[in-house]
Amino acid sequence: MTALKITFWILLFIVFYAYIGYGILLFVLVRLKRMFGRKDAGNGNQEYEPDVTLFIAAYNEKDFVAEKIKNSRELEYPAGKLHIVWVTDGSDDGTPDEIKKFEGVTVHHLPQRNGKIGAMNRG
């Protein structure tokens, strides 16, 4: 009978922890971190904006390059922190040459076609 009671309480604890206990534990840990953590660790620092890379994989997209770059530059993000990288594989319509006309845009091009996943991995 004792083994049955122990099993019951263990299973009840697991159910309680899964539905309620985990949330309570996280709440307590976050409170402790805020109380004893470093004050300058970026908590609530609204001015911090990390560098961001806009990664574009393209194949024969010459007609849409100018529009996409224009759209990308209109993002509400500091220009010095936004990096635009294009990866093209096997484009034979002049897409890489069209992209190179724009300043501040990085182009990685291979003449053979390796597919989108290959381009993304290479980028």
PDB file of N, CA and C in Angstrom:
ATOM      1  N   MET A   1       0.819  -1.195   0.000  1.00  0.00           N
ATOM      2  CA  MET A   1       0.000   0.000   0.000  1.00  0.00           C
ATOM      3  C   MET A   1       0.866   1.264   0.000  1.00  0.00           C
ATOM      4  N   THR A   2       2.008   1.234   0.696  1.00  0.00           N
ATOM      5  CA  THR A   2       2.894   2.387   0.759  1.00  0.00           C
ATOM      6  C   THR A   2       3.469   2.714  -0.623  1.00  0.00           C
ATOM      7  N   ALA A   3       3.837   1.715  -1.390  1.00  0.00           N
ATOM      8  CA  ALA A   3       4.382   1.935  -2.736  1.00  0.00           C
ATOM      9  C   ALA A   3       3.342   2.595  -3.618  1.00  0.00           C
ATOM     10  N   LEU A   4       2.077   2.232  -3.459  1.00  0.00           N
ATOM     11  CA  LEU A   4       0.999   2.825  -4.239  1.00  0.00           C
ATOM     12  C   LEU A   4       0.820   4.298  -3.884  1.00  0.00           C
ATOM     13  N   LYS A   5       0.914   4.638  -2.599  1.00  0.00           N
ATOM     14  CA  LYS A   5       0.808   6.039  -2.173  1.00  0.00           C
ATOM     15  C   LYS A   5       1.980   6.861  -2.707  1.00  0.00           C
ATOM     16  N   ILE A   6       3.184   6.313  -2.640  1.00  0.00           N
ATOM     17  CA  ILE A   6       4.365   7.023  -3.147  1.00  0.00           C
ATOM     18  C   ILE A   6       4.229   7.267  -4.645  1.00  0.00           C
ATOM     19  N   THR A   7       3.797   6.255  -5.370  1.00  0.00           N
ATOM     20  CA  THR A   7       3.603   6.399  -6.816  1.00  0.00           C
ATOM     21  C   THR A   7       2.551   7.457  -7.115  1.00  0.00           C
ATOM     22  N   PHE A   8       1.445   7.449  -6.357  1.00  0.00           N
ATOM     23  CA  PHE A   8       0.387   8.444  -6.535  1.00  0.00           C
ATOM     24  C   PHE A   8       0.928   9.855  -6.365  1.00  0.00           C
ATOM     25  N   TRP A   9       1.672  10.110  -5.293  1.00  0.00           N
ATOM     26  CA  TRP A   9       2.180  11.454  -5.033  1.00  0.00           C
ATOM     27  C   TRP A   9       3.229  11.881  -6.047  1.00  0.00           C
ATOM     28  N   ILE A  10       4.041  10.959  -6.501  1.00  0.00           N
ATOM     29  CA  ILE A  10       5.036  11.287  -7.536  1.00  0.00           C
ATOM     30  C   ILE A  10       4.329  11.672  -8.834  1.00  0.00           C
ATOM     31  N   LEU A  11       3.334  10.893  -9.227  1.00  0.00           N
ATOM     32  CA  LEU A  11       2.592  11.198 -10.457  1.00  0.00           C
ATOM     33  C   LEU A  11       1.806  12.494 -10.329  1.00  0.00           C
ATOM     34  N   LEU A  12       1.229  12.734  -9.155  1.00  0.00           N
ATOM     35  CA  LEU A  12       0.516  13.994  -8.922  1.00  0.00           C
ATOM     36  C   LEU A  12       1.477  15.182  -9.006  1.00  0.00           C
ATOM     37  N   PHE A  13       2.671  15.042  -8.453  1.00  0.00           N
ATOM     38  CA  PHE A  13       3.676  16.101  -8.534  1.00  0.00           C
ATOM     39  C   PHE A  13       4.067  16.370  -9.984  1.00  0.00           C
ATOM     40  N   ILE A  14       4.234  15.329 -10.786  1.00  0.00           N
ATOM     41  CA  ILE A  14       4.611  15.500 -12.195  1.00  0.00           C
ATOM     42  C   ILE A  14       3.535  16.271 -12.959  1.00  0.00           C
ATOM     43  N   VAL A  15       2.279  15.924 -12.712  1.00  0.00           N
ATOM     44  CA  VAL A  15       1.175  16.632 -13.377  1.00  0.00           C
ATOM     45  C   VAL A  15       1.132  18.091 -12.915  1.00  0.00           C
ATOM     46  N   PHE A  16       1.257  18.315 -11.609  1.00  0.00           N
ATOM     47  CA  PHE A  16       1.263  19.683 -11.082  1.00  0.00           C
ATOM     48  C   PHE A  16       2.413  20.497 -11.680  1.00  0.00           C
ATOM     49  N   TYR A  17       3.594  19.912 -11.715  1.00  0.00           N
ATOM     50  CA  TYR A  17       4.760  20.617 -12.239  1.00  0.00           C
ATOM     51  C   TYR A  17       4.574  20.947 -13.715  1.00  0.00           C
ATOM     52  N   ALA A  18       4.031  20.022 -14.487  1.00  0.00           N
ATOM     53  CA  ALA A  18       3.866  20.244 -15.922  1.00  0.00           C
ATOM     54  C   ALA A  18       2.894  21.386 -16.214  1.00  0.00           C
ATOM     55  N   TYR A  19       1.831  21.502 -15.447  1.00  0.00           N
ATOM     56  CA  TYR A  19       0.806  22.510 -15.724  1.00  0.00           C
ATOM     57  C   TYR A  19       0.993  23.813 -14.969  1.00  0.00           C
ATOM     58  N   ILE A  20       1.498  23.775 -13.769  1.00  0.00           N
ATOM     59  CA  ILE A  20       1.590  24.982 -12.954  1.00  0.00           C
ATOM     60  C   ILE A  20       3.004  25.227 -12.425  1.00  0.00           C
ATOM     61  N   GLY A  21       3.655  24.208 -11.954  1.00  0.00           N
ATOM     62  CA  GLY A  21       4.941  24.342 -11.286  1.00  0.00           C
ATOM     63  C   GLY A  21       6.032  24.940 -12.160  1.00  0.00           C
ATOM     64  N   TYR A  22       6.070  24.588 -13.448  1.00  0.00           N
ATOM     65  CA  TYR A  22       7.109  25.112 -14.334  1.00  0.00           C
ATOM     66  C   TYR A  22       6.976  26.628 -14.479  1.00  0.00           C
ATOM     67  N   GLY A  23       5.743  27.103 -14.620  1.00  0.00           N
ATOM     68  CA  GLY A  23       5.520  28.551 -14.718  1.00  0.00           C
ATOM     69  C   GLY A  23       5.932  29.275 -13.450  1.00  0.00           C
ATOM     70  N   ILE A  24       5.603  28.694 -12.310  1.00  0.00           N
ATOM     71  CA  ILE A  24       5.988  29.294 -11.027  1.00  0.00           C
ATOM     72  C   ILE A  24       7.510  29.320 -10.892  1.00  0.00           C
ATOM     73  N   LEU A  25       8.159  28.227 -11.259  1.00  0.00           N
ATOM     74  CA  LEU A  25       9.620  28.160 -11.191  1.00  0.00           C
ATOM     75  C   LEU A  25      10.263  29.224 -12.082  1.00  0.00           C
ATOM     76  N   LEU A  26       9.766  29.376 -13.299  1.00  0.00           N
ATOM     77  CA  LEU A  26      10.320  30.404 -14.193  1.00  0.00           C
ATOM     78  C   LEU A  26      10.105  31.805 -13.642  1.00  0.00           C
ATOM     79  N   PHE A  27       8.930  32.056 -13.088  1.00  0.00           N
ATOM     80  CA  PHE A  27       8.640  33.356 -12.502  1.00  0.00           C
ATOM     81  C   PHE A  27       9.627  33.677 -11.396  1.00  0.00           C
ATOM     82  N   VAL A  28       9.877  32.725 -10.516  1.00  0.00           N
ATOM     83  CA  VAL A  28      10.810  32.926  -9.407  1.00  0.00           C
ATOM     84  C   VAL A  28      12.225  33.137  -9.933  1.00  0.00           C
ATOM     85  N   LEU A  29      12.644  32.345 -10.899  1.00  0.00           N
ATOM     86  CA  LEU A  29      14.002  32.490 -11.438  1.00  0.00           C
ATOM     87  C   LEU A  29      14.208  33.842 -12.113  1.00  0.00           C
ATOM     88  N   VAL A  30      13.205  34.325 -12.844  1.00  0.00           N
ATOM     89  CA  VAL A  30      13.317  35.642 -13.491  1.00  0.00           C
ATOM     90  C   VAL A  30      13.401  36.739 -12.447  1.00  0.00           C
ATOM     91  N   ARG A  31      12.597  36.638 -11.404  1.00  0.00           N
ATOM     92  CA  ARG A  31      12.657  37.633 -10.323  1.00  0.00           C
ATOM     93  C   ARG A  31      14.033  37.644  -9.652  1.00  0.00           C
ATOM     94  N   LEU A  32      14.570  36.461  -9.396  1.00  0.00           N
ATOM     95  CA  LEU A  32      15.896  36.377  -8.778  1.00  0.00           C
ATOM     96  C   LEU A  32      16.968  36.956  -9.701  1.00  0.00           C
ATOM     97  N   LYS A  33      16.854  36.684 -10.972  1.00  0.00           N
ATOM     98  CA  LYS A  33      17.835  37.219 -11.936  1.00  0.00           C
ATOM     99  C   LYS A  33      17.774  38.745 -11.973  1.00  0.00           C
ATOM    100  N   ARG A  34      16.575  39.280 -11.940  1.00  0.00           N
ATOM    101  CA  ARG A  34      16.435  40.741 -11.951  1.00  0.00           C
ATOM    102  C   ARG A  34      16.957  41.372 -10.665  1.00  0.00           C
ATOM    103  N   MET A  35      16.805  40.684  -9.550  1.00  0.00           N
ATOM    104  CA  MET A  35      17.272  41.230  -8.273  1.00  0.00           C
ATOM    105  C   MET A  35      18.789  41.188  -8.162  1.00  0.00           C
ATOM    106  N   PHE A  36      19.398  40.089  -8.584  1.00  0.00           N
ATOM    107  CA  PHE A  36      20.823  39.903  -8.378  1.00  0.00           C
ATOM    108  C   PHE A  36      21.653  40.022  -9.641  1.00  0.00           C
ATOM    109  N   GLY A  37      21.025  40.198 -10.805  1.00  0.00           N
ATOM    110  CA  GLY A  37      21.749  40.282 -12.065  1.00  0.00           C
ATOM    111  C   GLY A  37      22.407  41.632 -12.244  1.00  0.00           C
ATOM    112  N   ARG A  38      23.263  41.711 -13.253  1.00  0.00           N
ATOM    113  CA  ARG A  38      23.928  42.979 -13.567  1.00  0.00           C
ATOM    114  C   ARG A  38      22.905  43.982 -14.082  1.00  0.00           C
ATOM    115  N   LYS A  39      23.097  45.224 -13.701  1.00  0.00           N
ATOM    116  CA  LYS A  39      22.147  46.272 -14.095  1.00  0.00           C
ATOM    117  C   LYS A  39      22.412  46.769 -15.519  1.00  0.00           C
ATOM    118  N   ASP A  40      23.634  46.608 -16.034  1.00  0.00           N
ATOM    119  CA  ASP A  40      23.988  47.122 -17.357  1.00  0.00           C
ATOM    120  C   ASP A  40      23.979  46.028 -18.433  1.00  0.00           C
ATOM    121  N   ALA A  41      23.310  44.934 -18.179  1.00  0.00           N
ATOM    122  CA  ALA A  41      23.340  43.804 -19.109  1.00  0.00           C
ATOM    123  C   ALA A  41      22.326  43.943 -20.231  1.00  0.00           C
ATOM    124  N   GLY A  42      21.851  45.135 -20.501  1.00  0.00           N
ATOM    125  CA  GLY A  42      20.914  45.331 -21.591  1.00  0.00           C
ATOM    126  C   GLY A  42      19.464  45.175 -21.175  1.00  0.00           C
ATOM    127  N   ASN A  43      19.201  45.107 -19.884  1.00  0.00           N
ATOM    128  CA  ASN A  43      17.817  44.974 -19.427  1.00  0.00           C
ATOM    129  C   ASN A  43      17.061  46.269 -19.702  1.00  0.00           C
ATOM    130  N   GLY A  44      16.157  46.218 -20.649  1.00  0.00           N
ATOM    131  CA  GLY A  44      15.349  47.385 -20.947  1.00  0.00           C
ATOM    132  C   GLY A  44      16.067  48.472 -21.719  1.00  0.00           C
ATOM    133  N   ASN A  45      17.248  48.202 -22.249  1.00  0.00           N
ATOM    134  CA  ASN A  45      17.959  49.204 -23.016  1.00  0.00           C
ATOM    135  C   ASN A  45      17.328  49.299 -24.396  1.00  0.00           C
ATOM    136  N   GLN A  46      16.511  50.324 -24.605  1.00  0.00           N
ATOM    137  CA  GLN A  46      15.765  50.465 -25.850  1.00  0.00           C
ATOM    138  C   GLN A  46      16.624  50.999 -26.995  1.00  0.00           C
ATOM    139  N   GLU A  47      17.815  51.506 -26.715  1.00  0.00           N
ATOM    140  CA  GLU A  47      18.646  52.095 -27.752  1.00  0.00           C
ATOM    141  C   GLU A  47      19.547  51.080 -28.434  1.00  0.00           C
ATOM    142  N   TYR A  48      19.670  49.896 -27.902  1.00  0.00           N
ATOM    143  CA  TYR A  48      20.543  48.894 -28.480  1.00  0.00           C
ATOM    144  C   TYR A  48      19.900  48.289 -29.720  1.00  0.00           C
ATOM    145  N   GLU A  49      20.604  48.345 -30.837  1.00  0.00           N
ATOM    146  CA  GLU A  49      20.149  47.732 -32.077  1.00  0.00           C
ATOM    147  C   GLU A  49      21.315  46.952 -32.668  1.00  0.00           C
ATOM    148  N   PRO A  50      21.211  45.641 -32.743  1.00  0.00           N
ATOM    149  CA  PRO A  50      22.313  44.828 -33.257  1.00  0.00           C
ATOM    150  C   PRO A  50      22.445  44.953 -34.771  1.00  0.00           C
ATOM    151  N   ASP A  51      23.593  44.545 -35.289  1.00  0.00           N
ATOM    152  CA  ASP A  51      23.765  44.469 -36.733  1.00  0.00           C
ATOM    153  C   ASP A  51      22.861  43.351 -37.260  1.00  0.00           C
ATOM    154  N   VAL A  52      22.228  43.607 -38.395  1.00  0.00           N
ATOM    155  CA  VAL A  52      21.297  42.653 -38.989  1.00  0.00           C
ATOM    156  C   VAL A  52      21.699  42.416 -40.439  1.00  0.00           C
ATOM    157  N   THR A  53      21.665  41.159 -40.866  1.00  0.00           N
ATOM    158  CA  THR A  53      21.964  40.820 -42.254  1.00  0.00           C
ATOM    159  C   THR A  53      20.690  40.340 -42.928  1.00  0.00           C
ATOM    160  N   LEU A  54      20.342  41.001 -44.023  1.00  0.00           N
ATOM    161  CA  LEU A  54      19.223  40.579 -44.850  1.00  0.00           C
ATOM    162  C   LEU A  54      19.811  39.670 -45.920  1.00  0.00           C
ATOM    163  N   PHE A  55      19.491  38.397 -45.850  1.00  0.00           N
ATOM    164  CA  PHE A  55      20.098  37.360 -46.690  1.00  0.00           C
ATOM    165  C   PHE A  55      19.097  36.978 -47.774  1.00  0.00           C
ATOM    166  N   ILE A  56      19.480  37.158 -49.050  1.00  0.00           N
ATOM    167  CA  ILE A  56      18.564  36.903 -50.156  1.00  0.00           C
ATOM    168  C   ILE A  56      19.202  35.900 -51.105  1.00  0.00           C
ATOM    169  N   ALA A  57      18.554  34.763 -51.295  1.00  0.00           N
ATOM    170  CA  ALA A  57      18.987  33.769 -52.273  1.00  0.00           C
ATOM    171  C   ALA A  57      18.170  34.006 -53.542  1.00  0.00           C
ATOM    172  N   ALA A  58      18.852  34.152 -54.685  1.00  0.00           N
ATOM    173  CA  ALA A  58      18.143  34.500 -55.912  1.00  0.00           C
ATOM    174  C   ALA A  58      18.657  33.681 -57.093  1.00  0.00           C
ATOM    175  N   TYR A  59      17.751  33.424 -58.031  1.00  0.00           N
ATOM    176  CA  TYR A  59      18.094  32.743 -59.277  1.00  0.00           C
ATOM    177  C   TYR A  59      17.305  33.420 -60.392  1.00  0.00           C
ATOM    178  N   ASN A  60      18.013  34.031 -61.331  1.00  0.00           N
ATOM    179  CA  ASN A  60      17.403  34.730 -62.475  1.00  0.00           C
ATOM    180  C   ASN A  60      16.316  35.714 -62.017  1.00  0.00           C
ATOM    181  N   GLU A  61      16.700  36.644 -61.166  1.00  0.00           N
ATOM    182  CA  GLU A  61      15.773  37.638 -60.618  1.00  0.00           C
ATOM    183  C   GLU A  61      16.132  39.062 -61.061  1.00  0.00           C
ATOM    184  N   LYS A  62      16.739  39.211 -62.223  1.00  0.00           N
ATOM    185  CA  LYS A  62      17.227  40.506 -62.684  1.00  0.00           C
ATOM    186  C   LYS A  62      16.130  41.571 -62.684  1.00  0.00           C
ATOM    187  N   ASP A  63      14.928  41.197 -63.076  1.00  0.00           N
ATOM    188  CA  ASP A  63      13.837  42.172 -63.178  1.00  0.00           C
ATOM    189  C   ASP A  63      13.360  42.683 -61.820  1.00  0.00           C
ATOM    190  N   PHE A  64      13.690  41.991 -60.753  1.00  0.00           N
ATOM    191  CA  PHE A  64      13.184  42.354 -59.430  1.00  0.00           C
ATOM    192  C   PHE A  64      14.261  42.880 -58.480  1.00  0.00           C
ATOM    193  N   VAL A  65      15.509  42.901 -58.931  1.00  0.00           N
ATOM    194  CA  VAL A  65      16.624  43.304 -58.063  1.00  0.00           C
ATOM    195  C   VAL A  65      16.462  44.734 -57.563  1.00  0.00           C
ATOM    196  N   ALA A  66      16.244  45.674 -58.463  1.00  0.00           N
ATOM    197  CA  ALA A  66      16.157  47.088 -58.074  1.00  0.00           C
ATOM    198  C   ALA A  66      15.016  47.311 -57.090  1.00  0.00           C
ATOM    199  N   GLU A  67      13.879  46.692 -57.349  1.00  0.00           N
ATOM    200  CA  GLU A  67      12.718  46.852 -56.475  1.00  0.00           C
ATOM    201  C   GLU A  67      12.991  46.271 -55.088  1.00  0.00           C
ATOM    202  N   LYS A  68      13.644  45.107 -55.031  1.00  0.00           N
ATOM    203  CA  LYS A  68      13.937  44.469 -53.743  1.00  0.00           C
ATOM    204  C   LYS A  68      14.953  45.273 -52.942  1.00  0.00           C
ATOM    205  N   ILE A  69      15.975  45.789 -53.601  1.00  0.00           N
ATOM    206  CA  ILE A  69      16.980  46.586 -52.892  1.00  0.00           C
ATOM    207  C   ILE A  69      16.358  47.889 -52.392  1.00  0.00           C
ATOM    208  N   LYS A  70      15.530  48.510 -53.202  1.00  0.00           N
ATOM    209  CA  LYS A  70      14.844  49.727 -52.777  1.00  0.00           C
ATOM    210  C   LYS A  70      13.976  49.442 -51.559  1.00  0.00           C
ATOM    211  N   ASN A  71      13.216  48.351 -51.608  1.00  0.00           N
ATOM    212  CA  ASN A  71      12.366  47.960 -50.495  1.00  0.00           C
ATOM    213  C   ASN A  71      13.186  47.666 -49.242  1.00  0.00           C
ATOM    214  N   SER A  72      14.319  47.003 -49.410  1.00  0.00           N
ATOM    215  CA  SER A  72      15.174  46.652 -48.275  1.00  0.00           C
ATOM    216  C   SER A  72      15.765  47.891 -47.624  1.00  0.00           C
ATOM    217  N   ARG A  73      16.104  48.871 -48.402  1.00  0.00           N
ATOM    218  CA  ARG A  73      16.689  50.098 -47.850  1.00  0.00           C
ATOM    219  C   ARG A  73      15.650  50.988 -47.192  1.00  0.00           C
ATOM    220  N   GLU A  74      14.380  50.750 -47.470  1.00  0.00           N
ATOM    221  CA  GLU A  74      13.325  51.540 -46.846  1.00  0.00           C
ATOM    222  C   GLU A  74      12.927  51.002 -45.465  1.00  0.00           C
ATOM    223  N   LEU A  75      13.553  49.911 -45.046  1.00  0.00           N
ATOM    224  CA  LEU A  75      13.271  49.375 -43.715  1.00  0.00           C
ATOM    225  C   LEU A  75      13.641  50.395 -42.654  1.00  0.00           C
ATOM    226  N   GLU A  76      12.882  50.453 -41.595  1.00  0.00           N
ATOM    227  CA  GLU A  76      13.157  51.400 -40.517  1.00  0.00           C
ATOM    228  C   GLU A  76      14.225  50.817 -39.601  1.00  0.00           C
ATOM    229  N   TYR A  77      15.441  50.808 -40.101  1.00  0.00           N
ATOM    230  CA  TYR A  77      16.582  50.290 -39.341  1.00  0.00           C
ATOM    231  C   TYR A  77      17.794  51.114 -39.730  1.00  0.00           C
ATOM    232  N   PRO A  78      18.712  51.397 -38.796  1.00  0.00           N
ATOM    233  CA  PRO A  78      19.878  52.217 -39.137  1.00  0.00           C
ATOM    234  C   PRO A  78      20.660  51.615 -40.305  1.00  0.00           C
ATOM    235  N   ALA A  79      20.947  52.440 -41.293  1.00  0.00           N
ATOM    236  CA  ALA A  79      21.619  51.959 -42.511  1.00  0.00           C
ATOM    237  C   ALA A  79      22.975  51.336 -42.213  1.00  0.00           C
ATOM    238  N   GLY A  80      23.693  51.837 -41.245  1.00  0.00           N
ATOM    239  CA  GLY A  80      25.004  51.297 -40.911  1.00  0.00           C
ATOM    240  C   GLY A  80      24.950  49.930 -40.241  1.00  0.00           C
ATOM    241  N   LYS A  81      23.788  49.550 -39.764  1.00  0.00           N
ATOM    242  CA  LYS A  81      23.655  48.267 -39.073  1.00  0.00           C
ATOM    243  C   LYS A  81      22.905  47.232 -39.904  1.00  0.00           C
ATOM    244  N   LEU A  82      22.440  47.615 -41.083  1.00  0.00           N
ATOM    245  CA  LEU A  82      21.724  46.699 -41.965  1.00  0.00           C
ATOM    246  C   LEU A  82      22.649  46.298 -43.108  1.00  0.00           C
ATOM    247  N   HIS A  83      22.933  45.011 -43.201  1.00  0.00           N
ATOM    248  CA  HIS A  83      23.798  44.481 -44.258  1.00  0.00           C
ATOM    249  C   HIS A  83      22.938  43.643 -45.196  1.00  0.00           C
ATOM    250  N   ILE A  84      23.087  43.883 -46.500  1.00  0.00           N
ATOM    251  CA  ILE A  84      22.309  43.152 -47.493  1.00  0.00           C
ATOM    252  C   ILE A  84      23.248  42.230 -48.251  1.00  0.00           C
ATOM    253  N   VAL A  85      22.957  40.927 -48.196  1.00  0.00           N
ATOM    254  CA  VAL A  85      23.793  39.919 -48.851  1.00  0.00           C
ATOM    255  C   VAL A  85      22.926  39.129 -49.829  1.00  0.00           C
ATOM    256  N   TRP A  86      23.356  39.092 -51.097  1.00  0.00           N
ATOM    257  CA  TRP A  86      22.683  38.306 -52.126  1.00  0.00           C
ATOM    258  C   TRP A  86      23.566  37.117 -52.474  1.00  0.00           C
ATOM    259  N   VAL A  87      22.947  35.959 -52.612  1.00  0.00           N
ATOM    260  CA  VAL A  87      23.646  34.757 -53.041  1.00  0.00           C
ATOM    261  C   VAL A  87      22.927  34.255 -54.285  1.00  0.00           C
ATOM    262  N   THR A  88      23.673  34.166 -55.394  1.00  0.00           N
ATOM    263  CA  THR A  88      23.085  33.685 -56.644  1.00  0.00           C
ATOM    264  C   THR A  88      23.872  32.489 -57.141  1.00  0.00           C
ATOM    265  N   ASP A  89      23.164  31.495 -57.612  1.00  0.00           N
ATOM    266  CA  ASP A  89      23.779  30.299 -58.179  1.00  0.00           C
ATOM    267  C   ASP A  89      23.205  30.067 -59.572  1.00  0.00           C
ATOM    268  N   GLY A  90      24.063  30.024 -60.575  1.00  0.00           N
ATOM    269  CA  GLY A  90      23.646  29.659 -61.918  1.00  0.00           C
ATOM    270  C   GLY A  90      22.788  30.680 -62.634  1.00  0.00           C
ATOM    271  N   SER A  91      22.685  31.892 -62.133  1.00  0.00           N
ATOM    272  CA  SER A  91      21.883  32.905 -62.823  1.00  0.00           C
ATOM    273  C   SER A  91      22.533  33.243 -64.149  1.00  0.00           C
ATOM    274  N   ASP A  92      21.755  33.132 -65.225  1.00  0.00           N
ATOM    275  CA  ASP A  92      22.299  33.407 -66.549  1.00  0.00           C
ATOM    276  C   ASP A  92      21.621  34.602 -67.213  1.00  0.00           C
ATOM    277  N   ASP A  93      20.852  35.376 -66.442  1.00  0.00           N
ATOM    278  CA  ASP A  93      20.174  36.553 -67.000  1.00  0.00           C
ATOM    279  C   ASP A  93      20.840  37.867 -66.586  1.00  0.00           C
ATOM    280  N   GLY A  94      21.996  37.789 -65.926  1.00  0.00           N
ATOM    281  CA  GLY A  94      22.712  39.001 -65.518  1.00  0.00           C
ATOM    282  C   GLY A  94      22.331  39.501 -64.137  1.00  0.00           C
ATOM    283  N   THR A  95      21.717  38.661 -63.347  1.00  0.00           N
ATOM    284  CA  THR A  95      21.328  39.073 -61.988  1.00  0.00           C
ATOM    285  C   THR A  95      22.515  39.553 -61.157  1.00  0.00           C
ATOM    286  N   PRO A  96      23.645  38.817 -61.122  1.00  0.00           N
ATOM    287  CA  PRO A  96      24.773  39.296 -60.301  1.00  0.00           C
ATOM    288  C   PRO A  96      25.304  40.657 -60.759  1.00  0.00           C
ATOM    289  N   ASP A  97      25.346  40.882 -62.077  1.00  0.00           N
ATOM    290  CA  ASP A  97      25.823  42.170 -62.588  1.00  0.00           C
ATOM    291  C   ASP A  97      24.870  43.297 -62.205  1.00  0.00           C
ATOM    292  N   GLU A  98      23.583  43.012 -62.230  1.00  0.00           N
ATOM    293  CA  GLU A  98      22.585  44.011 -61.845  1.00  0.00           C
ATOM    294  C   GLU A  98      22.718  44.362 -60.361  1.00  0.00           C
ATOM    295  N   ILE A  99      22.965  43.357 -59.517  1.00  0.00           N
ATOM    296  CA  ILE A  99      23.102  43.594 -58.073  1.00  0.00           C
ATOM    297  C   ILE A  99      24.355  44.413 -57.784  1.00  0.00           C
ATOM    298  N   LYS A 100      25.437  44.150 -58.501  1.00  0.00           N
ATOM    299  CA  LYS A 100      26.708  44.847 -58.270  1.00  0.00           C
ATOM    300  C   LYS A 100      26.624  46.333 -58.570  1.00  0.00           C
ATOM    301  N   LYS A 101      25.597  46.769 -59.277  1.00  0.00           N
ATOM    302  CA  LYS A 101      25.427  48.199 -59.579  1.00  0.00           C
ATOM    303  C   LYS A 101      25.070  49.005 -58.328  1.00  0.00           C
ATOM    304  N   PHE A 102      24.570  48.331 -57.315  1.00  0.00           N
ATOM    305  CA  PHE A 102      24.125  49.021 -56.103  1.00  0.00           C
ATOM    306  C   PHE A 102      25.237  49.021 -55.063  1.00  0.00           C
ATOM    307  N   GLU A 103      25.420  50.167 -54.445  1.00  0.00           N
ATOM    308  CA  GLU A 103      26.469  50.324 -53.440  1.00  0.00           C
ATOM    309  C   GLU A 103      25.999  49.761 -52.101  1.00  0.00           C
ATOM    310  N   GLY A 104      26.910  49.141 -51.379  1.00  0.00           N
ATOM    311  CA  GLY A 104      26.604  48.628 -50.052  1.00  0.00           C
ATOM    312  C   GLY A 104      25.913  47.279 -50.037  1.00  0.00           C
ATOM    313  N   VAL A 105      25.904  46.600 -51.175  1.00  0.00           N
ATOM    314  CA  VAL A 105      25.274  45.290 -51.276  1.00  0.00           C
ATOM    315  C   VAL A 105      26.349  44.265 -51.610  1.00  0.00           C
ATOM    316  N   THR A 106      26.391  43.172 -50.865  1.00  0.00           N
ATOM    317  CA  THR A 106      27.372  42.115 -51.096  1.00  0.00           C
ATOM    318  C   THR A 106      26.749  41.031 -51.968  1.00  0.00           C
ATOM    319  N   VAL A 107      27.525  40.570 -52.975  1.00  0.00           N
ATOM    320  CA  VAL A 107      27.030  39.531 -53.880  1.00  0.00           C
ATOM    321  C   VAL A 107      27.991  38.352 -53.841  1.00  0.00           C
ATOM    322  N   HIS A 108      27.442  37.162 -53.660  1.00  0.00           N
ATOM    323  CA  HIS A 108      28.205  35.921 -53.769  1.00  0.00           C
ATOM    324  C   HIS A 108      27.589  35.141 -54.922  1.00  0.00           C
ATOM    325  N   HIS A 109      28.376  34.918 -55.972  1.00  0.00           N
ATOM    326  CA  HIS A 109      27.834  34.259 -57.172  1.00  0.00           C
ATOM    327  C   HIS A 109      28.721  33.088 -57.589  1.00  0.00           C
ATOM    328  N   LEU A 110      28.072  32.003 -57.966  1.00  0.00           N
ATOM    329  CA  LEU A 110      28.734  30.855 -58.592  1.00  0.00           C
ATOM    330  C   LEU A 110      28.048  30.589 -59.922  1.00  0.00           C
ATOM    331  N   PRO A 111      28.805  30.300 -60.973  1.00  0.00           N
ATOM    332  CA  PRO A 111      28.166  30.070 -62.275  1.00  0.00           C
ATOM    333  C   PRO A 111      27.364  28.763 -62.338  1.00  0.00           C
ATOM    334  N   GLN A 112      27.719  27.753 -61.543  1.00  0.00           N
ATOM    335  CA  GLN A 112      26.958  26.507 -61.589  1.00  0.00           C
ATOM    336  C   GLN A 112      25.768  26.581 -60.636  1.00  0.00           C
ATOM    337  N   ARG A 113      24.701  25.884 -61.010  1.00  0.00           N
ATOM    338  CA  ARG A 113      23.466  25.880 -60.226  1.00  0.00           C
ATOM    339  C   ARG A 113      23.530  24.774 -59.180  1.00  0.00           C
ATOM    340  N   ASN A 114      23.444  25.171 -57.892  1.00  0.00           N
ATOM    341  CA  ASN A 114      23.468  24.210 -56.791  1.00  0.00           C
ATOM    342  C   ASN A 114      22.162  24.181 -56.017  1.00  0.00           C
ATOM    343  N   GLY A 115      21.194  24.983 -56.403  1.00  0.00           N
ATOM    344  CA  GLY A 115      19.925  25.022 -55.708  1.00  0.00           C
ATOM    345  C   GLY A 115      19.918  26.028 -54.570  1.00  0.00           C
ATOM    346  N   LYS A 116      18.729  26.310 -54.082  1.00  0.00           N
ATOM    347  CA  LYS A 116      18.575  27.314 -53.036  1.00  0.00           C
ATOM    348  C   LYS A 116      19.263  26.918 -51.735  1.00  0.00           C
ATOM    349  N   ILE A 117      19.128  25.669 -51.329  1.00  0.00           N
ATOM    350  CA  ILE A 117      19.744  25.219 -50.084  1.00  0.00           C
ATOM    351  C   ILE A 117      21.268  25.302 -50.194  1.00  0.00           C
ATOM    352  N   GLY A 118      21.810  24.915 -51.356  1.00  0.00           N
ATOM    353  CA  GLY A 118      23.263  25.020 -51.564  1.00  0.00           C
ATOM    354  C   GLY A 118      23.732  26.463 -51.489  1.00  0.00           C
ATOM    355  N   ALA A 119      22.954  27.372 -52.071  1.00  0.00           N
ATOM    356  CA  ALA A 119      23.294  28.793 -52.026  1.00  0.00           C
ATOM    357  C   ALA A 119      23.239  29.315 -50.603  1.00  0.00           C
ATOM    358  N   MET A 120      22.218  28.933 -49.872  1.00  0.00           N
ATOM    359  CA  MET A 120      22.083  29.400 -48.491  1.00  0.00           C
ATOM    360  C   MET A 120      23.215  28.864 -47.618  1.00  0.00           C
ATOM    361  N   ASN A 121      23.565  27.616 -47.798  1.00  0.00           N
ATOM    362  CA  ASN A 121      24.673  27.051 -47.021  1.00  0.00           C
ATOM    363  C   ASN A 121      25.989  27.740 -47.357  1.00  0.00           C
ATOM    364  N   ARG A 122      26.188  28.042 -48.623  1.00  0.00           N
ATOM    365  CA  ARG A 122      27.413  28.718 -49.040  1.00  0.00           C
ATOM    366  C   ARG A 122      27.456  30.149 -48.494  1.00  0.00           C
ATOM    367  N   GLY A 123      26.320  30.797 -48.454  1.00  0.00           N
ATOM    368  CA  GLY A 123      26.246  32.172 -47.964  1.00  0.00           C
ATOM    369  C   GLY A 123      26.502  32.234 -46.480  1.00  0.00           C
TER     370      GLY A 123
END
